[in-house]
């Protein structure tokens, strides 16, 4: 299922806030929007808002139960897919527009199949536009027990099985059955194959955060979420 996004030409009279906290509501499923003079664009989209993790965060990636296939081509990662009420990917283009407006921080929450919960937090997060491969910019790591698996991916372009822009001679999306800002290849593979905990049958293809659980453990849940730096 492709994530629906409504667009129209920019009208200066319409001002929209593009993050969960701007609406001052308690609902977790919300329609947020953004307007941009620079990009002559208005977009509205349904997102999941995390109102529990130390403030209000806009979730752009979420894995819960394996109900959505994340091994998808470039155009679907660009536009977004899934259901904001469950597993979904908001879309590279949408994340790009959101992070152009303000400075954002990133929180990555994860849980294993024994109920242990940890996080990794980064004080600065943005991605570049499609012309630069949606290159990742992330820094300012704070450890919440997960360890830092993402800094290795900083500066990398996004790779899918049909569009290889990674830092390896091989296509890391094909090798590890995911899609991400692969380097050579990954310490984090949140869009990998949903498996059930410890599983070494196929190396490093699961929903993984290497610095916490290594390459042979697929997480129960993981979510990536952003909010403006206060």
Protein backbone atom coordinates (compact mmCIF):
# COMPACT_ATOMS: atom_id res chain seq x y z
CA UNK A 1 0.00 0.00 0.00
CA UNK A 2 1.43 3.34 -1.03
CA UNK A 3 1.23 6.08 1.60
CA UNK A 4 -1.19 8.75 0.33
CA UNK A 5 0.08 12.30 -0.02
CA UNK A 6 -2.03 15.17 -1.34
CA UNK A 7 -0.30 18.01 -3.16
CA UNK A 8 -1.31 21.28 -4.77
CA UNK A 9 0.42 24.44 -5.89
CA UNK A 10 1.59 26.78 -3.15
CA UNK A 11 -0.78 29.49 -1.92
CA UNK A 12 0.77 32.07 0.37
CA UNK A 13 -2.35 32.34 2.52
CA UNK A 14 -2.00 28.75 3.74
CA UNK A 15 0.55 28.13 6.45
CA UNK A 16 0.96 24.57 7.69
CA UNK A 17 3.13 23.15 10.45
CA UNK A 18 5.03 20.03 9.52
CA UNK A 19 5.55 18.19 12.76
CA UNK A 20 3.42 16.49 15.36
CA UNK A 21 3.99 18.91 18.24
CA UNK A 22 2.73 21.94 16.33
CA UNK A 23 -0.89 20.81 16.62
CA UNK A 24 -0.97 20.51 20.45
CA UNK A 25 -3.16 17.43 20.26
CA UNK A 26 -3.01 14.08 22.01
CA UNK A 27 -4.05 11.93 19.02
CA UNK A 28 -1.34 9.60 17.75
CA UNK A 29 -2.63 9.46 14.17
CA UNK A 30 -2.67 12.91 12.61
CA UNK A 31 -2.61 14.67 9.28
CA UNK A 32 0.31 17.08 9.15
CA UNK A 33 1.28 19.38 6.33
CA UNK A 34 3.94 21.71 5.13
CA UNK A 35 4.18 24.60 2.75
CA UNK A 36 7.31 25.82 1.04
CA UNK A 37 8.00 29.03 -0.88
CA UNK A 38 11.29 27.52 -2.02
CA UNK A 39 9.74 24.36 -3.46
CA UNK A 40 6.34 25.85 -4.47
CA UNK A 41 4.61 22.93 -2.81
CA UNK A 42 1.96 22.06 -0.29
CA UNK A 43 1.67 18.52 0.99
CA UNK A 44 -0.51 16.84 3.58
CA UNK A 45 0.09 13.34 4.90
CA UNK A 46 -1.05 11.02 7.64
CA UNK A 47 1.67 10.17 10.14
CA UNK A 48 2.08 8.42 13.47
CA UNK A 49 2.95 10.81 16.29
CA UNK A 50 4.85 9.46 19.27
CA UNK A 51 3.56 11.53 22.18
CA UNK A 52 5.13 9.34 24.86
CA UNK A 53 8.90 9.36 24.27
CA UNK A 54 10.00 12.57 26.00
CA UNK A 55 7.92 14.82 23.79
CA UNK A 56 6.09 14.77 20.48
CA UNK A 57 7.92 13.10 17.61
CA UNK A 58 6.95 12.64 13.96
CA UNK A 59 7.59 8.99 13.05
CA UNK A 60 8.91 8.39 9.53
CA UNK A 61 9.81 4.69 9.85
CA UNK A 62 8.17 1.98 11.95
CA UNK A 63 8.46 -1.82 12.19
CA UNK A 64 6.17 -3.71 14.55
CA UNK A 65 5.11 -7.14 13.36
CA UNK A 66 6.26 -7.90 9.81
CA UNK A 67 2.87 -7.09 8.29
CA UNK A 68 4.36 -4.80 5.61
CA UNK A 69 6.99 -5.81 3.05
CA UNK A 70 9.90 -3.35 3.19
CA UNK A 71 11.89 -4.91 0.33
CA UNK A 72 10.64 -2.39 -2.22
CA UNK A 73 11.92 -0.41 -5.22
CA UNK A 74 13.23 3.12 -5.32
CA UNK A 75 10.00 4.84 -6.38
CA UNK A 76 8.13 3.44 -3.37
CA UNK A 77 10.83 4.50 -0.93
CA UNK A 78 10.71 7.92 -2.52
CA UNK A 79 6.92 8.30 -2.14
CA UNK A 80 6.28 6.24 0.99
CA UNK A 81 4.24 3.12 1.74
CA UNK A 82 2.40 1.25 4.47
CA UNK A 83 -0.15 2.45 6.99
CA UNK A 84 0.53 5.11 9.61
CA UNK A 85 -1.51 3.07 12.11
CA UNK A 86 0.95 0.19 11.74
CA UNK A 87 4.16 -0.38 9.80
CA UNK A 88 5.14 2.32 7.34
CA UNK A 89 7.78 4.43 5.62
CA UNK A 90 6.86 8.09 5.22
CA UNK A 91 8.85 8.62 2.02
CA UNK A 92 12.26 10.11 1.29
CA UNK A 93 10.78 13.09 -0.52
CA UNK A 94 8.55 13.91 2.44
CA UNK A 95 11.38 13.55 4.95
CA UNK A 96 13.53 15.79 2.77
CA UNK A 97 10.91 18.55 2.68
CA UNK A 98 10.26 18.29 6.41
CA UNK A 99 13.91 18.62 7.38
CA UNK A 100 14.52 21.63 5.13
CA UNK A 101 12.28 23.86 7.26
CA UNK A 102 14.00 23.63 10.63
CA UNK A 103 16.83 21.87 12.38
CA UNK A 104 15.67 18.42 13.47
CA UNK A 105 16.85 15.82 15.97
CA UNK A 106 16.38 12.07 15.57
CA UNK A 107 15.30 9.37 18.01
CA UNK A 108 15.56 5.66 17.19
CA UNK A 109 13.60 3.45 19.59
CA UNK A 110 13.88 -0.33 19.51
CA UNK A 111 12.78 -3.40 21.44
CA UNK A 112 13.86 -7.04 21.44
CA UNK A 113 11.66 -10.11 21.86
CA UNK A 114 12.38 -10.24 25.61
CA UNK A 115 10.82 -6.84 26.17
CA UNK A 116 14.09 -4.92 26.56
CA UNK A 117 13.85 -1.37 25.22
CA UNK A 118 16.71 0.95 24.28
CA UNK A 119 17.24 4.02 22.13
CA UNK A 120 19.80 6.02 20.20
CA UNK A 121 19.40 9.78 19.89
CA UNK A 122 21.06 12.21 17.48
CA UNK A 123 20.98 15.97 17.95
CA UNK A 124 21.08 16.74 14.22
CA UNK A 125 19.30 14.97 11.36
CA UNK A 126 18.42 15.87 7.78
CA UNK A 127 18.58 14.41 4.29
CA UNK A 128 19.48 16.08 1.01
CA UNK A 129 17.23 16.11 -2.05
CA UNK A 130 16.83 13.48 -4.75
CA UNK A 131 19.48 15.09 -6.97
CA UNK A 132 22.01 14.18 -4.26
CA UNK A 133 20.55 10.72 -3.66
CA UNK A 134 18.76 11.75 -0.44
CA UNK A 135 22.13 11.80 1.29
CA UNK A 136 22.01 11.31 5.07
CA UNK A 137 23.27 13.96 7.49
CA UNK A 138 23.28 12.76 11.10
CA UNK A 139 25.43 13.64 14.11
CA UNK A 140 25.40 14.29 17.84
CA UNK A 141 24.91 10.77 19.22
CA UNK A 142 23.52 10.18 22.72
CA UNK A 143 23.45 6.60 23.99
CA UNK A 144 20.24 5.21 25.42
CA UNK A 145 21.58 1.67 25.61
CA UNK A 146 21.45 0.89 21.88
CA UNK A 147 24.93 2.03 20.90
CA UNK A 148 25.76 4.09 17.83
CA UNK A 149 24.99 2.13 14.67
CA UNK A 150 23.96 5.10 12.55
CA UNK A 151 27.04 7.34 12.43
CA UNK A 152 28.67 4.77 10.12
CA UNK A 153 25.94 5.60 7.60
CA UNK A 154 26.40 9.38 7.78
CA UNK A 155 27.11 10.97 4.41
CA UNK A 156 25.74 8.04 2.41
CA UNK A 157 23.11 8.15 -0.32
CA UNK A 158 20.00 5.97 -0.13
CA UNK A 159 20.11 2.56 -1.82
CA UNK A 160 17.37 0.16 -2.91
CA UNK A 161 17.67 -3.10 -4.83
CA UNK A 162 16.97 -1.27 -8.10
CA UNK A 163 19.05 1.86 -7.39
CA UNK A 164 22.51 1.32 -5.93
CA UNK A 165 24.12 4.46 -4.46
CA UNK A 166 25.97 2.87 -1.54
CA UNK A 167 29.60 2.93 -0.54
CA UNK A 168 30.27 -0.68 -1.51
CA UNK A 169 31.21 -2.41 -4.75
CA UNK A 170 28.16 -4.63 -4.25
CA UNK A 171 24.52 -3.60 -3.95
CA UNK A 172 23.98 -3.77 -0.19
CA UNK A 173 20.19 -3.63 -0.54
CA UNK A 174 20.26 -6.82 -2.60
CA UNK A 175 22.80 -8.50 -0.34
CA UNK A 176 21.00 -7.69 2.92
CA UNK A 177 17.42 -7.61 1.62
CA UNK A 178 16.59 -4.08 2.71
CA UNK A 179 16.88 -0.43 1.72
CA UNK A 180 18.87 2.20 3.60
CA UNK A 181 21.73 4.69 3.58
CA UNK A 182 24.19 1.85 3.14
CA UNK A 183 27.91 2.37 3.49
CA UNK A 184 29.96 -0.83 3.09
CA UNK A 185 27.40 -2.18 4.00
CA UNK A 186 25.61 -1.65 7.35
CA UNK A 187 25.60 -1.47 11.11
CA UNK A 188 21.89 -0.58 10.97
CA UNK A 189 19.36 -2.34 8.75
CA UNK A 190 15.95 -1.21 10.05
CA UNK A 191 14.24 -1.92 6.73
CA UNK A 192 15.52 -5.48 6.51
CA UNK A 193 13.57 -8.74 6.64
CA UNK A 194 11.30 -9.07 9.68
CA UNK A 195 12.41 -12.19 11.56
CA UNK A 196 11.77 -13.43 15.07
CA UNK A 197 14.76 -12.63 17.24
CA UNK A 198 17.93 -14.72 17.08
CA UNK A 199 18.36 -16.17 13.61
CA UNK A 200 21.69 -16.82 11.92
CA UNK A 201 20.40 -18.79 8.96
CA UNK A 202 20.99 -15.89 6.56
CA UNK A 203 23.66 -13.44 7.68
CA UNK A 204 22.70 -9.84 8.56
CA UNK A 205 19.43 -9.58 6.63
CA UNK A 206 17.12 -8.91 9.58
CA UNK A 207 15.81 -5.76 11.24
CA UNK A 208 19.13 -5.06 12.90
CA UNK A 209 21.04 -2.60 15.06
CA UNK A 210 24.48 -4.16 15.21
CA UNK A 211 25.85 -2.24 18.20
CA UNK A 212 23.06 -3.61 20.38
CA UNK A 213 22.28 -7.13 19.16
CA UNK A 214 24.81 -7.93 16.45
CA UNK A 215 24.12 -9.32 12.99
CA UNK A 216 22.19 -12.46 13.93
CA UNK A 217 19.31 -10.89 15.86
CA UNK A 218 16.26 -9.29 14.27
CA UNK A 219 14.46 -6.75 16.45
CA UNK A 220 10.82 -6.96 17.46
CA UNK A 221 10.21 -3.23 16.94
CA UNK A 222 12.12 -0.23 15.69
CA UNK A 223 10.98 3.29 14.88
CA UNK A 224 12.78 6.36 13.58
CA UNK A 225 11.25 9.70 14.52
CA UNK A 226 12.14 13.37 14.31
CA UNK A 227 11.21 16.68 15.90
CA UNK A 228 12.52 20.25 15.65
CA UNK A 229 15.35 21.15 18.00
CA UNK A 230 13.93 23.39 20.71
